[in-house]
Every structure is written in C-alpha cells, then in structure tokens.
Protein backbone atom coordinates (compact mmCIF):
# COMPACT_ATOMS: atom_id res chain seq x y z
CA MET A 1 9.02 37.57 55.38
CA LYS A 2 5.53 37.04 57.08
CA ARG A 3 4.48 39.15 60.05
CA GLN A 4 2.07 37.20 62.33
CA PRO A 5 0.01 39.19 64.85
CA ALA A 6 -0.08 38.06 68.60
CA SER A 7 -2.77 35.71 69.50
CA ALA A 8 -6.06 37.03 70.86
CA ASP A 9 -5.61 35.09 74.14
CA GLY A 10 -2.36 36.55 74.70
CA GLN A 11 -0.57 33.16 74.86
CA PHE A 12 1.70 33.92 71.92
CA GLY A 13 3.16 37.19 71.08
CA GLU A 14 3.80 38.84 67.63
CA ALA A 15 6.24 37.03 65.44
CA LEU A 16 8.29 37.29 62.45
CA LYS A 17 8.73 34.52 59.97
CA TYR A 18 11.59 34.11 57.43
CA PHE A 19 11.81 31.10 54.84
CA ARG A 20 14.81 30.07 52.83
CA PRO A 21 15.22 26.86 50.82
CA GLN A 22 17.31 25.20 53.60
CA VAL A 23 15.94 26.93 56.89
CA ALA A 24 13.00 28.66 58.35
CA CYS A 25 13.25 31.33 61.29
CA THR A 26 10.63 32.52 63.72
CA ILE A 27 11.35 35.45 65.87
CA GLN A 28 8.68 36.00 68.51
CA LYS A 29 7.96 38.59 71.44
CA VAL A 30 7.90 36.71 74.67
CA THR A 31 8.06 37.34 78.35
CA THR A 32 10.84 35.76 80.21
CA LYS A 33 9.96 33.08 82.69
CA ARG A 34 12.41 33.98 85.22
CA ASN A 35 11.79 37.60 85.81
CA ARG A 36 8.70 38.49 83.58
CA GLU A 37 10.43 40.92 81.37
CA SER A 38 9.91 41.47 77.64
CA SER A 39 12.32 39.49 75.12
CA LEU A 40 12.51 37.40 72.14
CA ASN A 41 12.61 33.81 71.17
CA LEU A 42 14.76 32.85 68.22
CA GLU A 43 13.80 29.49 66.35
CA LEU A 44 15.57 27.90 63.27
CA ALA A 45 14.31 24.77 61.83
CA PRO A 46 15.85 22.98 58.82
CA ALA A 47 13.85 22.78 55.41
CA ALA A 48 14.03 20.77 52.36
CA GLU A 49 11.85 20.52 49.07
CA GLY A 50 9.56 23.32 50.56
CA GLU A 51 8.94 21.55 53.83
CA VAL A 52 9.91 23.01 57.13
CA ARG A 53 11.02 20.28 59.90
CA TRP A 54 9.85 22.32 62.82
CA ASP A 55 10.27 19.26 64.86
CA GLU A 56 13.94 19.62 64.50
CA LYS A 57 13.90 23.21 65.34
CA LEU A 58 16.47 24.90 67.71
CA THR A 59 14.94 27.51 70.14
CA ILE A 60 16.79 29.94 72.07
CA GLN A 61 15.32 32.80 74.31
CA VAL A 62 17.19 35.98 74.31
CA SER A 63 17.68 36.84 78.04
CA SER A 64 16.46 40.30 79.11
CA THR A 65 20.00 41.25 80.15
CA GLU A 66 21.26 40.26 76.40
CA LEU A 67 18.48 42.13 74.80
CA PRO A 68 20.21 45.62 74.84
CA ARG A 69 23.52 44.09 73.14
CA PHE A 70 20.99 42.20 70.71
CA CYS A 71 19.68 45.45 69.73
CA ALA A 72 22.90 47.21 69.45
CA CYS A 73 24.09 44.45 67.06
CA VAL A 74 20.83 44.54 64.75
CA LEU A 75 21.14 48.39 64.83
CA ARG A 76 24.56 47.95 63.53
CA ILE A 77 26.20 49.70 66.62
CA THR A 78 28.30 46.55 67.04
CA PRO A 79 29.27 44.23 64.27
CA SER A 80 28.73 40.90 66.21
CA ILE A 81 27.49 39.21 69.51
CA GLU A 82 27.74 35.78 70.98
CA PHE A 83 26.01 34.36 73.93
CA LYS A 84 26.59 30.71 75.34
CA TYR A 85 25.07 28.57 78.05
CA HIS A 86 21.49 28.75 77.17
CA GLY A 87 18.66 26.03 77.65
CA GLU A 88 18.11 23.61 80.47
CA ALA A 89 21.36 21.67 79.85
CA ARG A 90 23.35 25.20 79.22
CA ASN A 91 24.36 23.63 76.06
CA LYS A 92 22.90 26.06 73.40
CA SER A 93 24.30 29.41 72.04
CA TYR A 94 23.33 31.80 69.49
CA SER A 95 25.30 34.60 67.62
CA LEU A 96 24.50 37.57 65.25
CA GLN A 97 27.14 38.82 62.88
CA TRP A 98 27.19 41.46 60.15
CA GLN A 99 28.55 39.68 57.19
CA SER A 100 28.51 42.43 54.51
CA GLU A 101 26.66 45.81 53.64
CA ALA A 102 23.27 44.59 54.23
CA VAL A 103 23.32 40.90 55.57
CA LEU A 104 22.85 39.96 59.13
CA ARG A 105 23.67 36.19 59.81
CA ILE A 106 21.85 34.78 62.84
CA ASP A 107 23.33 31.29 64.19
CA LEU A 108 21.88 28.96 66.71
CA SER A 109 23.61 25.88 67.76
CA THR A 110 23.47 23.06 70.22
CA GLN A 111 25.79 20.18 70.64
CA GLY A 112 26.43 18.64 67.28
CA LYS A 113 23.79 20.86 65.56
CA ARG A 114 23.95 24.35 64.00
CA LEU A 115 21.54 26.39 61.85
CA PHE A 116 21.75 29.82 60.50
CA ILE A 117 19.93 32.27 58.31
CA PRO A 118 21.21 35.29 56.55
CA LEU A 119 18.64 38.34 56.68
CA THR A 120 18.66 41.26 54.32
CA GLY A 121 18.11 44.88 54.97
CA ASP A 122 14.25 44.69 54.75
CA GLU A 123 14.10 41.86 57.10
CA VAL A 124 16.69 43.28 59.42
CA PHE A 125 14.43 46.49 59.55
CA TRP A 126 11.48 44.64 60.86
CA LEU A 127 13.62 42.64 63.30
CA ALA A 128 15.21 45.85 64.78
CA GLU A 129 11.74 47.25 65.17
CA MET A 130 10.57 44.37 67.16
CA ALA A 131 13.81 44.08 69.26
CA LEU A 132 13.57 47.59 70.22
CA ASP A 133 9.98 47.59 70.93
CA GLN A 134 10.64 44.68 73.56
CA LEU A 135 13.63 46.57 74.94
CA HIS A 136 11.48 49.67 75.35
CA GLU A 137 8.88 47.54 77.19
CA ASN A 138 11.55 47.06 79.72
CA THR A 139 12.65 50.66 79.96
CA ARG A 140 9.48 52.73 79.84
CA SER A 141 10.95 55.77 81.52
CA MET A 142 12.80 56.36 78.36
CA THR A 143 11.62 57.36 74.80
CA LYS A 144 12.77 55.19 72.07
CA THR A 145 15.03 58.03 70.78
CA ASP A 146 16.69 58.34 74.20
CA LEU A 147 17.09 54.43 74.37
CA MET A 148 18.55 54.39 70.86
CA ASN A 149 20.95 57.20 71.95
CA LEU A 150 21.78 55.25 75.14
CA LEU A 151 22.48 52.03 73.05
CA ALA A 152 24.83 54.05 70.76
CA ARG A 153 26.68 55.35 73.68
CA SER A 154 26.92 52.20 75.73
CA PHE A 155 28.00 49.87 72.65
CA LYS A 156 29.85 52.02 70.26
CA GLY A 157 33.13 50.44 69.26
CA THR A 158 32.31 47.21 71.14
C-alpha cells in the first residue's frame, strides 16, 4: 500500500494505492460534483508483468448518500454492499464483500468488464480511516465516536 498526500493546489485529494500482480487500485478523497459533499473515488485498473494499464481503468464515485453504508461495510458492521447505476450511462456498479476473517473484496464493473481486488486487514484499516474521515466531513455536528455509534445502530444486522 502507498499513501499519497493531497496535491498542494487542492485539485486532487489524499489517495491510497494498492497493487497486486493482476490489478491496481486507487481510492481517493473527492468532493462530489452534484452537491459538493465529501466522498471517495474508487479506481481499479488491470495489470500484467508489473505494468498497470491505467487507460483501461474503471472509476466509480461513491455517492455521499452511499458513504454511510460504505463505511458500515468497511467497519464490518454489515457484511456486504452493492450499488448499481453509476456513471453517465448508468452502467457501472460496485460492491464490497467480506470474504473471510480479514479479506475485504472490492468489485467494480461495467458492461462486459469486471475488476476486483482483495484487501487485507492492514489495508482495510487505512481505507476505513479515510472513508470515516470523509463521512465525518459531511456530519461535522458529531464526533467520530458518535458517528461510529450511529453507524453501528443504523446498519447492525443489515
């Protein structure tokens, strides 16, 4: 995992980068275009022989209304989530699913193309920190502890 700071000009938010032999992943802090709220972009790109093909990447923005459920899944309050109808053509989707004790699988798909990456416990920790930080930006009236308690009460058992 590589942590990339936000750009000095504010154009790009902080990002986490994960690399596997067949796929690379970037998760980046963003502000949504529609309502100017904090959220995340998810990007997956195929890789082979140490080269990432970023020109073939799939990108999906987690909407600010999806962000609480996204956080609940990353924090293991709920075992999986799936959201559809993303992108201009509304043909993209993403899902998160806990597969075992410490593996969270992130899938991005569009018509005829699906990419996924499994994240381990240490990698999920930093993703959870970033996602919760973005959600907290949208709910400044609460402490992060209150926010986590609200997530647990809202999504427990879902």
